[in-house]
């Protein structure tokens, strides 16, 4: 088993040491190959060593002072954090399906995600996309908000927006 493994490792290293030849093809194009052509003169190409960069280990940073997690966010990293919903008095969605979008300025920081709140409860999975698709939402008035989270910790929350969803009634004569 070890002999087979060693053979495979050596076989993968062989192409790295292959020679490269340059010749001119019948249409005048330059052709590169790992074997010299039989009926044409070829020139062996010498490859230079690739550039390498040494990796540096980062300096150990001083531990930052922990901030108290009392549920309140002391800084507001986003100037604009709001949900964009239709301005109409009511949203007609006969099957309870509609989409809302969010405006976030500046762009989300690395590690931050958006989470939609429907009537104060998380709706769907957190995402970095500012678009949310809601399905089968009951008729009536609902409160929507958006949260910026990092590792399940709320960084910032938007002001809630009220929407009224209109759905066709099951008792409707047109049904």
N, C-alpha and C. Protein backbone atom coordinates (compact mmCIF):
# COMPACT_ATOMS: atom_id res chain seq x y z
N UNK A 1 0.83 -1.19 0.00
CA UNK A 1 0.00 0.00 0.00
C UNK A 1 0.88 1.26 0.00
N UNK A 2 1.94 1.21 0.79
CA UNK A 2 2.83 2.37 0.84
C UNK A 2 3.54 2.57 -0.49
N UNK A 3 3.89 1.48 -1.13
CA UNK A 3 4.56 1.58 -2.42
C UNK A 3 3.63 2.21 -3.46
N UNK A 4 2.37 1.83 -3.44
CA UNK A 4 1.40 2.42 -4.36
C UNK A 4 1.24 3.91 -4.10
N UNK A 5 1.15 4.29 -2.85
CA UNK A 5 1.00 5.71 -2.49
C UNK A 5 2.22 6.51 -2.93
N UNK A 6 3.42 5.97 -2.70
CA UNK A 6 4.64 6.67 -3.09
C UNK A 6 4.71 6.82 -4.61
N UNK A 7 4.30 5.79 -5.33
CA UNK A 7 4.30 5.86 -6.79
C UNK A 7 3.35 6.93 -7.29
N UNK A 8 2.16 7.02 -6.69
CA UNK A 8 1.20 8.04 -7.09
C UNK A 8 1.71 9.44 -6.81
N UNK A 9 2.37 9.64 -5.67
CA UNK A 9 2.91 10.96 -5.33
C UNK A 9 3.99 11.35 -6.32
N UNK A 10 4.88 10.43 -6.65
CA UNK A 10 5.93 10.73 -7.62
C UNK A 10 5.36 10.97 -9.01
N UNK A 11 4.31 10.24 -9.38
CA UNK A 11 3.70 10.42 -10.71
C UNK A 11 3.06 11.80 -10.83
N UNK A 12 2.51 12.32 -9.77
CA UNK A 12 1.91 13.65 -9.85
C UNK A 12 2.98 14.73 -9.91
N UNK A 13 4.18 14.46 -9.44
CA UNK A 13 5.25 15.44 -9.48
C UNK A 13 5.95 15.48 -10.84
N UNK A 14 5.82 14.45 -11.66
CA UNK A 14 6.51 14.40 -12.95
C UNK A 14 6.13 15.54 -13.88
N UNK A 15 4.86 15.88 -14.06
CA UNK A 15 4.54 16.96 -14.99
C UNK A 15 5.15 18.29 -14.58
N UNK A 16 5.50 18.48 -13.33
CA UNK A 16 6.09 19.73 -12.90
C UNK A 16 7.50 19.90 -13.46
N UNK A 17 8.16 18.80 -13.82
CA UNK A 17 9.52 18.85 -14.33
C UNK A 17 9.57 18.61 -15.83
N UNK A 18 8.45 18.61 -16.53
CA UNK A 18 8.42 18.36 -17.96
C UNK A 18 9.04 19.53 -18.70
N UNK A 19 9.60 19.23 -19.86
CA UNK A 19 10.20 20.27 -20.70
C UNK A 19 9.13 20.84 -21.61
N UNK A 20 9.32 22.09 -22.02
CA UNK A 20 8.38 22.77 -22.91
C UNK A 20 9.13 23.20 -24.15
N UNK A 21 8.51 22.96 -25.31
CA UNK A 21 9.12 23.30 -26.59
C UNK A 21 8.22 24.28 -27.33
N UNK A 22 8.89 25.23 -28.03
CA UNK A 22 8.17 26.22 -28.83
C UNK A 22 8.55 26.01 -30.29
N UNK A 23 7.53 25.99 -31.14
CA UNK A 23 7.77 25.84 -32.58
C UNK A 23 6.75 26.67 -33.33
N UNK A 24 6.95 26.77 -34.62
CA UNK A 24 6.00 27.51 -35.47
C UNK A 24 5.20 26.49 -36.26
N UNK A 25 3.87 26.59 -36.15
CA UNK A 25 2.97 25.65 -36.81
C UNK A 25 2.84 25.95 -38.29
N UNK A 26 2.07 25.13 -39.03
CA UNK A 26 1.93 25.29 -40.48
C UNK A 26 1.25 26.60 -40.87
N UNK A 27 0.42 27.19 -40.01
CA UNK A 27 -0.25 28.44 -40.34
C UNK A 27 0.49 29.66 -39.79
N UNK A 28 1.70 29.45 -39.27
CA UNK A 28 2.49 30.56 -38.75
C UNK A 28 2.22 30.87 -37.28
N UNK A 29 1.39 30.07 -36.62
CA UNK A 29 1.11 30.31 -35.20
C UNK A 29 2.22 29.69 -34.37
N UNK A 30 2.44 30.29 -33.19
CA UNK A 30 3.40 29.73 -32.25
C UNK A 30 2.71 28.61 -31.50
N UNK A 31 3.38 27.45 -31.41
CA UNK A 31 2.83 26.27 -30.76
C UNK A 31 3.74 25.90 -29.61
N UNK A 32 3.13 25.67 -28.44
CA UNK A 32 3.87 25.18 -27.27
C UNK A 32 3.45 23.75 -27.03
N UNK A 33 4.44 22.89 -26.72
CA UNK A 33 4.16 21.48 -26.53
C UNK A 33 5.15 20.89 -25.54
N UNK A 34 4.80 19.73 -24.97
CA UNK A 34 5.72 19.04 -24.07
C UNK A 34 6.63 18.07 -24.83
N UNK A 35 6.44 17.96 -26.15
CA UNK A 35 7.29 17.11 -26.99
C UNK A 35 7.69 17.91 -28.21
N UNK A 36 8.95 17.78 -28.65
CA UNK A 36 9.35 18.53 -29.85
C UNK A 36 8.69 17.94 -31.09
N UNK A 37 8.31 18.79 -32.04
CA UNK A 37 7.70 18.25 -33.27
C UNK A 37 8.76 17.50 -34.08
N UNK A 38 8.31 16.51 -34.85
CA UNK A 38 9.25 15.66 -35.60
C UNK A 38 9.73 16.32 -36.88
N UNK A 39 8.86 17.11 -37.55
CA UNK A 39 9.20 17.64 -38.87
C UNK A 39 9.48 19.13 -38.85
N UNK A 40 9.71 19.73 -37.69
CA UNK A 40 9.95 21.16 -37.64
C UNK A 40 10.97 21.47 -36.55
N UNK A 41 11.73 22.54 -36.76
CA UNK A 41 12.69 22.90 -35.70
C UNK A 41 11.93 23.42 -34.48
N UNK A 42 12.45 23.11 -33.31
CA UNK A 42 11.80 23.55 -32.06
C UNK A 42 12.85 24.11 -31.13
N UNK A 43 12.42 25.02 -30.31
CA UNK A 43 13.30 25.66 -29.33
C UNK A 43 12.82 25.29 -27.94
N UNK A 44 13.73 24.87 -27.09
CA UNK A 44 13.37 24.50 -25.71
C UNK A 44 13.16 25.80 -24.91
N UNK A 45 12.07 25.86 -24.16
CA UNK A 45 11.73 27.04 -23.38
C UNK A 45 12.17 26.81 -21.94
N UNK A 46 12.97 27.73 -21.42
CA UNK A 46 13.42 27.66 -20.03
C UNK A 46 12.47 28.49 -19.19
N UNK A 47 11.86 27.88 -18.22
CA UNK A 47 10.94 28.59 -17.33
C UNK A 47 11.70 29.15 -16.14
N UNK A 48 11.34 30.35 -15.76
CA UNK A 48 11.95 30.95 -14.58
C UNK A 48 11.23 30.46 -13.33
N UNK A 49 11.90 30.58 -12.21
CA UNK A 49 11.29 30.19 -10.95
C UNK A 49 10.10 31.10 -10.67
N UNK A 50 9.02 30.54 -10.13
CA UNK A 50 7.86 31.38 -9.82
C UNK A 50 8.16 32.30 -8.63
N UNK A 51 7.44 33.41 -8.59
CA UNK A 51 7.57 34.34 -7.48
C UNK A 51 7.00 33.71 -6.22
N UNK A 52 7.67 33.95 -5.12
CA UNK A 52 7.17 33.45 -3.85
C UNK A 52 7.17 34.60 -2.84
N UNK A 53 6.28 34.52 -1.91
CA UNK A 53 6.18 35.52 -0.87
C UNK A 53 6.17 34.80 0.47
N UNK A 54 7.00 35.25 1.38
CA UNK A 54 7.02 34.64 2.70
C UNK A 54 5.80 35.12 3.47
N UNK A 55 5.17 34.21 4.18
CA UNK A 55 4.03 34.60 5.00
C UNK A 55 4.52 35.14 6.33
N UNK A 56 3.87 36.17 6.78
CA UNK A 56 4.23 36.76 8.05
C UNK A 56 3.16 36.43 9.07
N UNK A 57 3.59 36.12 10.25
CA UNK A 57 2.62 35.85 11.31
C UNK A 57 2.21 37.19 11.91
N UNK A 58 0.92 37.37 12.13
CA UNK A 58 0.46 38.65 12.67
C UNK A 58 0.94 38.82 14.11
N UNK A 59 1.16 40.08 14.46
CA UNK A 59 1.53 40.38 15.84
C UNK A 59 0.35 40.07 16.74
N UNK A 60 0.64 39.61 17.91
CA UNK A 60 -0.46 39.31 18.83
C UNK A 60 -1.06 40.62 19.30
N UNK A 61 -2.33 40.78 19.00
CA UNK A 61 -3.02 42.02 19.37
C UNK A 61 -3.41 41.95 20.83
N UNK A 62 -3.40 43.10 21.45
CA UNK A 62 -3.82 43.16 22.85
C UNK A 62 -5.30 42.87 22.92
N UNK A 63 -5.73 42.08 23.87
CA UNK A 63 -7.15 41.77 23.96
C UNK A 63 -7.96 43.03 24.21
N UNK A 64 -9.03 43.16 23.45
CA UNK A 64 -9.88 44.34 23.62
C UNK A 64 -10.75 44.17 24.85
N UNK A 65 -11.10 45.28 25.41
CA UNK A 65 -11.92 45.21 26.62
C UNK A 65 -13.32 44.76 26.24
N UNK A 66 -13.87 43.81 26.95
CA UNK A 66 -15.20 43.33 26.60
C UNK A 66 -16.25 44.41 26.88
N UNK A 67 -17.23 44.43 25.99
CA UNK A 67 -18.32 45.40 26.18
C UNK A 67 -19.46 44.69 26.87
N UNK A 68 -20.13 45.37 27.76
CA UNK A 68 -21.24 44.72 28.45
C UNK A 68 -22.36 44.42 27.47
N UNK A 69 -22.91 43.22 27.54
CA UNK A 69 -24.00 42.82 26.66
C UNK A 69 -25.31 42.93 27.42
N UNK A 70 -25.85 44.13 27.43
CA UNK A 70 -27.10 44.34 28.15
C UNK A 70 -28.28 44.45 27.20
N UNK A 71 -28.07 44.01 25.96
CA UNK A 71 -29.17 44.02 25.00
C UNK A 71 -29.25 45.31 24.22
N UNK A 72 -28.65 46.39 24.72
CA UNK A 72 -28.69 47.67 24.02
C UNK A 72 -27.44 47.79 23.16
N UNK A 73 -27.60 48.37 22.00
CA UNK A 73 -26.48 48.57 21.11
C UNK A 73 -25.99 49.99 21.29
N UNK A 74 -24.71 50.14 21.65
CA UNK A 74 -24.22 51.46 21.97
C UNK A 74 -23.90 52.27 20.72
N UNK A 75 -23.40 51.64 19.68
CA UNK A 75 -23.08 52.39 18.47
C UNK A 75 -24.02 51.96 17.35
N UNK A 76 -24.26 52.85 16.45
CA UNK A 76 -25.11 52.56 15.30
C UNK A 76 -24.22 52.51 14.06
N UNK A 77 -23.73 51.31 13.67
CA UNK A 77 -22.80 51.24 12.56
C UNK A 77 -23.43 51.54 11.20
N UNK A 78 -24.76 51.48 11.12
CA UNK A 78 -25.42 51.72 9.84
C UNK A 78 -26.24 52.99 9.92
N UNK A 79 -26.00 53.90 8.97
CA UNK A 79 -26.72 55.17 8.94
C UNK A 79 -28.17 54.96 8.53
N UNK A 80 -28.38 54.08 7.57
CA UNK A 80 -29.73 53.78 7.09
C UNK A 80 -29.97 52.29 7.25
N UNK A 81 -31.03 51.95 7.97
CA UNK A 81 -31.45 50.56 8.12
C UNK A 81 -32.97 50.59 8.17
N UNK A 82 -33.59 50.27 7.04
CA UNK A 82 -35.04 50.35 6.97
C UNK A 82 -35.59 49.34 5.98
N UNK A 83 -36.84 48.98 6.20
CA UNK A 83 -37.55 48.10 5.27
C UNK A 83 -38.28 48.95 4.25
N UNK A 84 -38.27 48.52 3.02
CA UNK A 84 -38.99 49.20 1.95
C UNK A 84 -40.22 48.38 1.63
N UNK A 85 -41.38 48.89 2.02
CA UNK A 85 -42.65 48.21 1.78
C UNK A 85 -43.52 49.12 0.93
N UNK A 86 -44.54 48.58 0.26
CA UNK A 86 -45.42 49.42 -0.55
C UNK A 86 -46.07 50.51 0.30
N UNK A 87 -46.24 51.70 -0.31
CA UNK A 87 -46.82 52.84 0.41
C UNK A 87 -48.34 52.78 0.49
N UNK A 88 -48.95 51.82 -0.18
CA UNK A 88 -50.41 51.74 -0.17
C UNK A 88 -50.90 51.46 1.25
N UNK A 89 -52.17 51.70 1.46
CA UNK A 89 -52.75 51.45 2.77
C UNK A 89 -52.77 49.96 3.09
N UNK A 90 -52.99 49.13 2.09
CA UNK A 90 -53.05 47.69 2.32
C UNK A 90 -52.34 46.98 1.16
N UNK A 91 -51.81 45.83 1.47
CA UNK A 91 -51.09 45.03 0.49
C UNK A 91 -51.99 43.87 0.08
N UNK A 92 -52.35 43.81 -1.20
CA UNK A 92 -53.20 42.73 -1.68
C UNK A 92 -52.31 41.55 -2.01
N UNK A 93 -52.50 40.46 -1.28
CA UNK A 93 -51.75 39.22 -1.51
C UNK A 93 -52.72 38.07 -1.23
N UNK A 94 -53.44 37.65 -2.26
CA UNK A 94 -54.50 36.67 -2.08
C UNK A 94 -53.99 35.33 -1.51
N UNK A 95 -52.77 34.99 -1.81
CA UNK A 95 -52.24 33.75 -1.23
C UNK A 95 -51.29 34.02 -0.06
N UNK A 96 -51.19 35.30 0.34
CA UNK A 96 -50.35 35.65 1.48
C UNK A 96 -48.87 35.68 1.16
N UNK A 97 -48.53 35.74 -0.12
CA UNK A 97 -47.13 35.72 -0.54
C UNK A 97 -46.75 37.08 -1.12
N UNK A 98 -45.66 37.65 -0.61
CA UNK A 98 -45.16 38.93 -1.12
C UNK A 98 -43.70 39.07 -0.72
N UNK A 99 -43.04 40.09 -1.26
CA UNK A 99 -41.62 40.32 -0.98
C UNK A 99 -41.42 41.73 -0.45
N UNK A 100 -40.44 41.90 0.39
CA UNK A 100 -40.01 43.21 0.87
C UNK A 100 -38.51 43.29 0.72
N UNK A 101 -38.00 44.51 0.66
CA UNK A 101 -36.56 44.69 0.57
C UNK A 101 -36.11 45.64 1.67
N UNK A 102 -34.82 45.64 1.91
CA UNK A 102 -34.24 46.48 2.95
C UNK A 102 -33.22 47.41 2.33
N UNK A 103 -33.06 48.58 2.94
CA UNK A 103 -32.02 49.51 2.56
C UNK A 103 -31.03 49.58 3.71
N UNK A 104 -29.76 49.30 3.40
CA UNK A 104 -28.70 49.31 4.41
C UNK A 104 -27.58 50.18 3.88
N UNK A 105 -27.24 51.24 4.63
CA UNK A 105 -26.15 52.13 4.25
C UNK A 105 -25.27 52.36 5.46
N UNK A 106 -23.98 52.17 5.35
CA UNK A 106 -23.20 51.59 4.26
C UNK A 106 -23.47 50.10 4.13
N UNK A 107 -22.78 49.47 3.21
CA UNK A 107 -22.99 48.03 2.96
C UNK A 107 -22.68 47.23 4.22
N UNK A 108 -23.27 46.03 4.28
CA UNK A 108 -23.06 45.17 5.45
C UNK A 108 -21.58 44.88 5.67
N UNK A 109 -21.17 44.93 6.91
CA UNK A 109 -19.79 44.59 7.28
C UNK A 109 -19.62 43.08 7.21
N UNK A 110 -18.39 42.61 7.03
CA UNK A 110 -18.16 41.16 7.06
C UNK A 110 -18.60 40.59 8.40
N UNK A 111 -19.27 39.45 8.33
CA UNK A 111 -19.75 38.81 9.56
C UNK A 111 -21.14 39.25 9.96
N UNK A 112 -21.67 40.30 9.35
CA UNK A 112 -23.03 40.75 9.67
C UNK A 112 -24.03 40.12 8.71
N UNK A 113 -25.22 39.84 9.21
CA UNK A 113 -26.30 39.30 8.40
C UNK A 113 -27.59 40.04 8.75
N UNK A 114 -28.56 39.95 7.84
CA UNK A 114 -29.87 40.55 8.05
C UNK A 114 -30.86 39.47 8.45
N UNK A 115 -31.76 39.82 9.39
CA UNK A 115 -32.81 38.89 9.80
C UNK A 115 -34.11 39.68 9.84
N UNK A 116 -35.13 39.12 9.22
CA UNK A 116 -36.45 39.74 9.18
C UNK A 116 -37.23 39.36 10.42
N UNK A 117 -37.93 40.34 10.99
CA UNK A 117 -38.81 40.09 12.13
C UNK A 117 -40.24 40.31 11.67
N UNK A 118 -41.10 39.33 11.93
CA UNK A 118 -42.53 39.43 11.63
C UNK A 118 -43.26 39.37 12.96
N UNK A 119 -43.91 40.46 13.30
CA UNK A 119 -44.62 40.57 14.58
C UNK A 119 -43.68 40.25 15.76
N UNK A 120 -42.44 40.75 15.67
CA UNK A 120 -41.48 40.61 16.75
C UNK A 120 -40.74 39.29 16.79
N UNK A 121 -41.06 38.36 15.90
CA UNK A 121 -40.42 37.04 15.88
C UNK A 121 -39.57 36.89 14.61
N UNK A 122 -38.41 36.23 14.71
CA UNK A 122 -37.59 36.00 13.50
C UNK A 122 -38.37 35.22 12.45
N UNK A 123 -38.25 35.65 11.20
CA UNK A 123 -38.92 34.99 10.08
C UNK A 123 -37.85 34.58 9.08
N UNK A 124 -37.68 33.30 8.87
CA UNK A 124 -36.70 32.80 7.91
C UNK A 124 -35.29 32.81 8.47
N UNK A 125 -34.35 32.42 7.63
CA UNK A 125 -32.95 32.33 8.03
C UNK A 125 -32.26 33.68 7.80
N UNK A 126 -31.25 34.00 8.62
CA UNK A 126 -30.47 35.21 8.37
C UNK A 126 -29.78 35.12 7.02
N UNK A 127 -29.59 36.27 6.38
CA UNK A 127 -29.00 36.31 5.05
C UNK A 127 -28.23 37.61 4.88
N UNK A 128 -27.37 37.66 3.88
CA UNK A 128 -26.68 38.91 3.56
C UNK A 128 -27.42 39.67 2.46
N UNK A 129 -28.39 39.02 1.82
CA UNK A 129 -29.17 39.66 0.76
C UNK A 129 -30.25 40.54 1.37
N UNK A 130 -30.49 41.73 0.81
CA UNK A 130 -31.49 42.63 1.38
C UNK A 130 -32.91 42.39 0.85
N UNK A 131 -33.21 41.17 0.43
CA UNK A 131 -34.53 40.85 -0.10
C UNK A 131 -35.12 39.71 0.70
N UNK A 132 -36.41 39.82 1.03
CA UNK A 132 -37.07 38.81 1.84
C UNK A 132 -38.38 38.43 1.19
N UNK A 133 -38.61 37.13 1.07
CA UNK A 133 -39.82 36.59 0.46
C UNK A 133 -40.66 35.98 1.58
N UNK A 134 -41.87 36.48 1.77
CA UNK A 134 -42.76 35.98 2.80
C UNK A 134 -43.85 35.15 2.13
N UNK A 135 -44.20 34.02 2.74
CA UNK A 135 -45.22 33.15 2.16
C UNK A 135 -46.29 32.82 3.19
N UNK A 136 -47.51 32.71 2.69
CA UNK A 136 -48.67 32.30 3.48
C UNK A 136 -48.84 33.13 4.76
N UNK A 137 -48.74 34.44 4.62
CA UNK A 137 -48.92 35.35 5.75
C UNK A 137 -50.42 35.59 5.92
N UNK A 138 -50.89 35.49 7.15
CA UNK A 138 -52.31 35.67 7.44
C UNK A 138 -52.75 37.08 7.11
N UNK A 139 -54.03 37.23 6.80
CA UNK A 139 -54.58 38.55 6.55
C UNK A 139 -54.60 39.34 7.85
N UNK A 140 -54.55 40.64 7.73
CA UNK A 140 -54.57 41.51 8.89
C UNK A 140 -53.34 42.40 8.95
N UNK A 141 -53.18 43.08 10.07
CA UNK A 141 -52.07 44.01 10.26
C UNK A 141 -50.90 43.30 10.93
N UNK A 142 -49.71 43.54 10.37
CA UNK A 142 -48.49 42.91 10.88
C UNK A 142 -47.41 43.98 11.02
N UNK A 143 -46.46 43.73 11.90
CA UNK A 143 -45.31 44.62 12.09
C UNK A 143 -44.07 43.91 11.57
N UNK A 144 -43.37 44.59 10.66
CA UNK A 144 -42.13 44.06 10.09
C UNK A 144 -40.96 44.94 10.53
N UNK A 145 -39.85 44.32 10.81
CA UNK A 145 -38.61 45.04 11.13
C UNK A 145 -37.45 44.22 10.62
N UNK A 146 -36.30 44.83 10.57
CA UNK A 146 -35.09 44.16 10.11
C UNK A 146 -34.02 44.31 11.19
N UNK A 147 -33.27 43.24 11.42
CA UNK A 147 -32.17 43.27 12.38
C UNK A 147 -30.86 42.98 11.67
N UNK A 148 -29.80 43.63 12.11
CA UNK A 148 -28.45 43.25 11.70
C UNK A 148 -27.91 42.42 12.85
N UNK A 149 -27.47 41.20 12.54
CA UNK A 149 -26.97 40.32 13.59
C UNK A 149 -25.56 39.88 13.26
N UNK A 150 -24.84 39.53 14.31
CA UNK A 150 -23.51 38.95 14.18
C UNK A 150 -23.41 37.85 15.22
N UNK A 151 -23.33 36.61 14.76
CA UNK A 151 -23.25 35.46 15.67
C UNK A 151 -24.42 35.46 16.66
N UNK A 152 -25.63 35.61 16.16
CA UNK A 152 -26.86 35.59 16.97
C UNK A 152 -26.98 36.78 17.94
N UNK A 153 -26.07 37.75 17.86
CA UNK A 153 -26.15 38.94 18.70
C UNK A 153 -26.68 40.08 17.83
N UNK A 154 -27.68 40.80 18.32
CA UNK A 154 -28.28 41.89 17.56
C UNK A 154 -27.34 43.09 17.60
N UNK A 155 -26.94 43.56 16.42
CA UNK A 155 -26.06 44.72 16.30
C UNK A 155 -26.90 45.99 16.20
N UNK A 156 -27.96 45.94 15.39
CA UNK A 156 -28.82 47.11 15.18
C UNK A 156 -30.17 46.62 14.67
N UNK A 157 -31.23 47.37 14.99
CA UNK A 157 -32.57 47.01 14.54
C UNK A 157 -33.26 48.23 13.96
N UNK A 158 -34.03 48.02 12.89
CA UNK A 158 -34.76 49.12 12.26
C UNK A 158 -36.03 49.41 13.04
N UNK A 159 -36.62 50.54 12.70
CA UNK A 159 -37.93 50.87 13.26
C UNK A 159 -38.96 49.93 12.63
N UNK A 160 -39.92 49.43 13.41
CA UNK A 160 -40.94 48.55 12.83
C UNK A 160 -41.85 49.30 11.86
N UNK A 161 -42.30 48.58 10.85
CA UNK A 161 -43.21 49.12 9.84
C UNK A 161 -44.48 48.28 9.88
N UNK A 162 -45.63 48.94 9.91
CA UNK A 162 -46.90 48.20 9.90
C UNK A 162 -47.40 48.04 8.48
N UNK A 163 -47.84 46.84 8.16
CA UNK A 163 -48.47 46.58 6.87
C UNK A 163 -49.78 45.84 7.14
N UNK A 164 -50.72 46.01 6.23
CA UNK A 164 -51.97 45.29 6.31
C UNK A 164 -52.06 44.39 5.08
N UNK A 165 -52.19 43.11 5.33
CA UNK A 165 -52.27 42.13 4.25
C UNK A 165 -53.74 41.83 3.99
N UNK A 166 -54.14 42.00 2.74
CA UNK A 166 -55.50 41.65 2.33
C UNK A 166 -55.45 40.34 1.57
N UNK A 167 -56.27 39.39 2.02
CA UNK A 167 -56.40 38.12 1.33
C UNK A 167 -57.87 37.88 1.05
N UNK A 168 -58.14 37.10 0.05
CA UNK A 168 -59.51 36.78 -0.27
C UNK A 168 -60.09 35.95 0.88
N UNK A 169 -61.29 36.24 1.25
CA UNK A 169 -61.94 35.53 2.34
C UNK A 169 -62.42 34.16 1.86
N UNK A 170 -62.36 33.19 2.74
CA UNK A 170 -62.88 31.87 2.40
C UNK A 170 -64.40 31.90 2.26
N UNK A 171 -65.03 32.91 2.85
CA UNK A 171 -66.49 33.03 2.76
C UNK A 171 -66.93 33.88 1.57
N UNK A 172 -66.01 34.29 0.73
CA UNK A 172 -66.33 35.14 -0.41
C UNK A 172 -67.20 34.38 -1.40
N UNK A 173 -68.26 35.02 -1.92
CA UNK A 173 -69.12 34.35 -2.90
C UNK A 173 -68.40 34.07 -4.22
N UNK A 174 -67.34 34.79 -4.50
CA UNK A 174 -66.61 34.56 -5.77
C UNK A 174 -65.72 33.34 -5.68
N UNK A 175 -65.60 32.76 -4.54
CA UNK A 175 -64.74 31.59 -4.37
C UNK A 175 -65.40 30.33 -4.69
